[in-house]
């Protein structure tokens, strides 16, 4: 019993210490590459404001904490489909699938795609458009492995391939996520930590960055020589997250979970996320969350409340289906809506 409370105390002490770390300086706002890595996916964690880092499970965990993949919502596999109506008529589509390999661990594949629609091509001579269009491509694919190391500790890691294309210019890069979960057995308390988007800087290149000039000091008619514009590279938005969850078992059919997560960001101020989830008989779920930062002048799109609901139906002993919805408030754009279908088998 003494060891249990000692572990709880150490976890809370660590959480408090790291939360005092100052985040990225303000002169770095908006200067990171691959900002799409920060767009959340899935309805469950989004409705909770990203606060359930310590308790997230199955393929829904891939974006938040890969160690949660060690606990699937199905016996051998799980798939998830998610669509988000983002800002400025941008759609975010996400698919993930996982399979549990006995005595080894769980592997998962995921892909996130942003749809911008057709954008008119303009030029100095044709500011209203040339009649041509282009559509940017933003793809992030991931391969995740997670394993329960003991009955208390789970570990997970994700390797991500990032690909961006705007007109004829492209940028690509790799990033890694690492996560760890610790379950204080018998207490209802869980602790989680995740390091996300760790990787090298990215830089755009392509044929539209090449221009031709006549060499200076040469006679008229000399063949032009190519000159390439070398763009600056940008770092990935690395983040360190720490989370705590506590499960209040009200009775056999009613559960209430409280979540809290702190996130230290390399390109913005710190995030503090709080969430509350109620479920009846693991069938009907009601969720609410709130996200805020330690700087009221932080010029970010999404802070404030979020909420959602979900249904999970066990069709048989080997198959279940879940539908989840989330709504996230934005002060500067239309609020976000998330729709997610989860299948466990």
Foldseek 3Di string as FASTA:
>chain_A
DVVLVVVVVVQVVVQVVVLPDWFADQVLAPFFPPPVLVDQWDAPCVQQVVFVLQPDADPSNPSNALLRPQHHPFDFKKKKWKWKCDFPRKIKTKIKIKGADPPFWMKMKMKIWIWNDWDFDADPVRNVGPPDTDTKTWMKMKIKTKHAPDPFKIKMKIKIWIWIDDDFKIKIWIFMKIKMKGHSPPFQKIKMKMKTGDTDWMFIAGDVQKDWDDDPPDDPPHGTDIDGDGDDTRHHWIKIKIKMKGWDCPDPFKIKMKMWMWMHIHRFTIKIKIKIWIGGNQFKIWIKMFIDGPDPPTPDFFGTIKIWMKGKADPDNGKIKMWIKMWGDTPPGHIMIMIMIMMHD
